[in-house]
């Protein structure tokens, strides 16, 4: 009995090295905005009439966390974390696609495929950053107070936001905002 108590005490004292279980969920919403035109000029004019005409598609994401912690033996520890990654992609939809000329439809198809490839690159980077956040949350050690745990989780969420900003900006520079992937309409 005495030996078992010592082993249990050692296990509790070494539990700081046990990773916190993190469950990750994801939502992916795809939306569209409409562009219109039966000629290349009118279609391009439709894009240019938008509030931000340089942006043909967007991918946004955010994370939220829910977690449980327990206080005992003079320390607070995370018990479990749920990390939710919400991704929202917005693409253009050409209203007259079925009525456009063969040349316009062909160029539209090429363009949309390139835009989808580019936006998938953003999705992949958001997912990679969420994976890294999961690892960091899992490794948060016990602390003297639960307020310290809350602060550490908030710091990691802020780190995610900063990391995502840097990585996504680098991706845009690398791809010329999708140009190197063909995400530009070219009718000539």
Protein backbone atom coordinates (compact mmCIF):
# COMPACT_ATOMS: atom_id res chain seq x y z
CA UNK A 1 0.00 0.00 0.00
CA UNK A 2 2.77 2.43 0.90
CA UNK A 3 4.63 1.69 -2.37
CA UNK A 4 1.46 2.33 -4.38
CA UNK A 5 1.00 5.70 -2.69
CA UNK A 6 4.55 6.73 -3.58
CA UNK A 7 4.07 5.71 -7.20
CA UNK A 8 0.79 7.63 -7.39
CA UNK A 9 2.44 10.71 -5.88
CA UNK A 10 5.30 10.49 -8.37
CA UNK A 11 2.84 10.10 -11.23
CA UNK A 12 0.93 13.19 -10.11
CA UNK A 13 4.14 15.17 -9.69
CA UNK A 14 5.33 14.16 -13.18
CA UNK A 15 1.96 14.80 -14.82
CA UNK A 16 3.22 18.18 -16.04
CA UNK A 17 4.88 16.33 -18.88
CA UNK A 18 1.62 14.69 -19.98
CA UNK A 19 0.22 16.57 -22.97
CA UNK A 20 -3.17 18.22 -22.58
CA UNK A 21 -5.71 16.57 -24.91
CA UNK A 22 -6.70 18.97 -27.69
CA UNK A 23 -9.69 18.27 -29.89
CA UNK A 24 -9.74 20.24 -33.12
CA UNK A 25 -12.86 20.93 -35.15
CA UNK A 26 -13.20 22.86 -38.37
CA UNK A 27 -15.91 24.56 -40.33
CA UNK A 28 -15.42 25.51 -43.97
CA UNK A 29 -17.96 27.84 -45.55
CA UNK A 30 -17.82 28.67 -49.25
CA UNK A 31 -19.65 31.77 -50.44
CA UNK A 32 -19.95 33.55 -53.76
CA UNK A 33 -20.49 37.04 -55.04
CA UNK A 34 -21.86 37.69 -58.49
CA UNK A 35 -20.13 39.24 -61.48
CA UNK A 36 -21.86 39.83 -64.74
CA UNK A 37 -21.10 40.50 -68.38
CA UNK A 38 -21.36 38.90 -71.80
CA UNK A 39 -18.24 40.58 -73.11
CA UNK A 40 -14.77 40.55 -71.58
CA UNK A 41 -14.98 44.31 -71.05
CA UNK A 42 -18.31 44.10 -69.18
CA UNK A 43 -17.14 41.19 -67.04
CA UNK A 44 -13.96 43.03 -66.05
CA UNK A 45 -16.00 46.20 -65.40
CA UNK A 46 -18.21 44.15 -63.06
CA UNK A 47 -15.13 43.17 -61.05
CA UNK A 48 -13.90 46.77 -61.03
CA UNK A 49 -17.21 48.06 -59.68
CA UNK A 50 -16.76 46.11 -56.44
CA UNK A 51 -15.66 47.89 -53.23
CA UNK A 52 -12.17 46.32 -53.49
CA UNK A 53 -11.72 45.55 -57.19
CA UNK A 54 -8.20 44.16 -56.80
CA UNK A 55 -9.45 41.30 -54.62
CA UNK A 56 -11.05 38.55 -56.69
CA UNK A 57 -11.49 36.02 -53.85
CA UNK A 58 -10.88 35.89 -50.12
CA UNK A 59 -10.14 33.28 -47.51
CA UNK A 60 -10.53 34.25 -43.88
CA UNK A 61 -10.18 32.15 -40.78
CA UNK A 62 -10.33 32.46 -37.06
CA UNK A 63 -9.86 30.23 -34.07
CA UNK A 64 -11.72 29.97 -30.84
CA UNK A 65 -10.99 27.81 -27.86
CA UNK A 66 -12.92 26.23 -25.05
CA UNK A 67 -11.08 24.58 -22.25
CA UNK A 68 -11.45 23.04 -18.84
CA UNK A 69 -8.95 23.29 -16.07
CA UNK A 70 -8.70 21.95 -12.56
CA UNK A 71 -7.06 23.33 -9.45
CA UNK A 72 -5.53 20.97 -6.95
CA UNK A 73 -2.36 20.44 -4.96
CA UNK A 74 -1.53 24.12 -5.29
CA UNK A 75 -1.57 24.22 -9.08
CA UNK A 76 -3.95 24.77 -11.95
CA UNK A 77 -3.73 22.62 -15.05
CA UNK A 78 -5.52 22.44 -18.34
CA UNK A 79 -7.53 19.25 -18.53
CA UNK A 80 -8.75 19.45 -22.12
CA UNK A 81 -8.96 21.99 -24.93
CA UNK A 82 -11.31 22.29 -27.86
CA UNK A 83 -9.86 24.30 -30.73
CA UNK A 84 -12.31 25.42 -33.41
CA UNK A 85 -10.99 26.65 -36.76
CA UNK A 86 -13.57 28.51 -38.83
CA UNK A 87 -12.65 29.10 -42.48
CA UNK A 88 -14.66 31.22 -44.90
CA UNK A 89 -13.87 31.38 -48.63
CA UNK A 90 -15.57 33.78 -51.04
CA UNK A 91 -15.30 33.24 -54.79
CA UNK A 92 -16.75 35.12 -57.76
CA UNK A 93 -19.60 33.52 -59.67
CA UNK A 94 -20.20 34.59 -63.26
CA UNK A 95 -23.95 34.97 -63.72
CA UNK A 96 -23.92 34.51 -67.50
CA UNK A 97 -21.37 31.72 -67.61
CA UNK A 98 -23.76 29.44 -69.51
CA UNK A 99 -24.40 32.14 -72.11
CA UNK A 100 -20.87 33.43 -72.59
CA UNK A 101 -18.78 32.79 -75.67
CA UNK A 102 -16.63 29.68 -75.81
CA UNK A 103 -13.50 31.80 -75.44
CA UNK A 104 -14.90 33.56 -72.36
CA UNK A 105 -16.10 30.31 -70.76
CA UNK A 106 -12.73 28.67 -71.36
CA UNK A 107 -10.86 31.60 -69.81
CA UNK A 108 -13.33 31.72 -66.89
CA UNK A 109 -12.80 28.01 -66.18
CA UNK A 110 -9.02 28.43 -66.25
CA UNK A 111 -9.25 31.51 -64.03
CA UNK A 112 -11.56 29.90 -61.44
CA UNK A 113 -9.36 26.80 -61.22
CA UNK A 114 -6.34 29.03 -60.58
CA UNK A 115 -8.24 31.05 -57.96
CA UNK A 116 -9.28 27.82 -56.21
CA UNK A 117 -5.66 26.65 -56.14
CA UNK A 118 -4.58 30.00 -54.69
CA UNK A 119 -7.31 30.06 -52.03
CA UNK A 120 -6.52 26.44 -51.09
CA UNK A 121 -3.01 27.65 -50.34
CA UNK A 122 -4.50 30.05 -47.79
CA UNK A 123 -6.63 27.25 -46.30
CA UNK A 124 -3.56 25.02 -45.99
CA UNK A 125 -1.65 27.75 -44.17
CA UNK A 126 -4.52 28.35 -41.76
CA UNK A 127 -4.71 24.62 -41.03
CA UNK A 128 -0.94 24.37 -40.51
CA UNK A 129 -1.04 27.29 -38.07
CA UNK A 130 -3.95 25.67 -36.22
CA UNK A 131 -1.91 22.46 -35.94
CA UNK A 132 0.97 24.40 -34.41
CA UNK A 133 -1.45 26.15 -32.03
CA UNK A 134 -2.84 22.76 -30.98
CA UNK A 135 0.68 21.57 -30.17
CA UNK A 136 1.44 24.68 -28.14
CA UNK A 137 -1.85 24.50 -26.21
CA UNK A 138 -1.22 20.83 -25.50
CA UNK A 139 2.13 21.70 -23.96
CA UNK A 140 0.94 24.40 -21.54
CA UNK A 141 2.27 23.30 -18.15
CA UNK A 142 0.44 23.58 -14.85
CA UNK A 143 0.66 26.98 -13.16
CA UNK A 144 0.20 28.42 -9.70
CA UNK A 145 -3.10 30.02 -10.73
CA UNK A 146 -5.84 29.38 -13.26
CA UNK A 147 -5.56 33.05 -14.30
CA UNK A 148 -2.04 32.22 -15.50
CA UNK A 149 -3.46 29.38 -17.59
CA UNK A 150 -6.09 31.70 -19.09
CA UNK A 151 -3.36 34.23 -19.90
CA UNK A 152 -1.19 31.54 -21.56
CA UNK A 153 -4.11 30.36 -23.74
CA UNK A 154 -4.83 33.99 -24.76
CA UNK A 155 -1.14 34.53 -25.55
CA UNK A 156 -1.12 31.47 -27.79
CA UNK A 157 -4.25 32.66 -29.59
CA UNK A 158 -2.56 36.03 -30.19
CA UNK A 159 0.55 34.22 -31.40
CA UNK A 160 -1.66 32.29 -33.86
CA UNK A 161 -3.12 35.56 -35.20
CA UNK A 162 0.33 37.09 -35.65
CA UNK A 163 1.78 33.93 -37.20
CA UNK A 164 -1.13 33.68 -39.65
CA UNK A 165 -0.72 37.33 -40.67
CA UNK A 166 2.97 36.82 -41.40
CA UNK A 167 2.55 33.49 -43.22
CA UNK A 168 -0.40 34.66 -45.33
CA UNK A 169 1.35 37.90 -46.30
CA UNK A 170 4.43 35.92 -47.35
CA UNK A 171 2.23 33.61 -49.44
CA UNK A 172 0.67 36.60 -51.20
CA UNK A 173 4.11 38.05 -51.95
CA UNK A 174 5.38 34.65 -53.14
CA UNK A 175 2.44 34.19 -55.52
CA UNK A 176 2.03 37.82 -56.54
CA UNK A 177 -1.47 37.71 -55.04
CA UNK A 178 -2.22 34.64 -57.17
CA UNK A 179 -0.72 35.97 -60.43
CA UNK A 180 2.02 33.33 -60.56
CA UNK A 181 -0.71 30.70 -60.19
CA UNK A 182 -2.76 32.13 -63.06
CA UNK A 183 -5.43 33.81 -60.93
CA UNK A 184 -5.97 36.67 -63.40
CA UNK A 185 -8.52 36.97 -66.17
CA UNK A 186 -6.81 37.27 -69.56
CA UNK A 187 -8.98 37.55 -72.63
CA UNK A 188 -6.28 38.60 -75.07
